[in-house]
């Protein structure tokens, strides 16, 4: 609620005309200086080749020239590869929410 469609971004990454990854972002959520990373998917063919890391590092670099102060996202504690991926990129856990069979971890990268 209250989020402008102008603040919602879907970004696709391609290599040699082949879909590599997609990224869903909400700019200014939950407050004006935060970018919420809602979804990041990398095609299986391109996983474990550092392409996902390059995409996120490019995003981080592009945000350094903006008013965004940090990136936040959520990952489940039982998603070991996802949690490891974000930690490797410098994201840290800032909150935990207990769910039925897992913990939902809010992670943050300060720019």
Foldseek 3Di string as FASTA:
>chain_A
DPADPVQWDKDWDDDPNHTFKIWIWGAQPPHNQEIETEDIDGPPVCPPVCPSVVVVVVVVVVCVPDSRFKYKYKDWPVPVVVVVVCVVSPWDFDDWDDDDPTIITMIMDTD
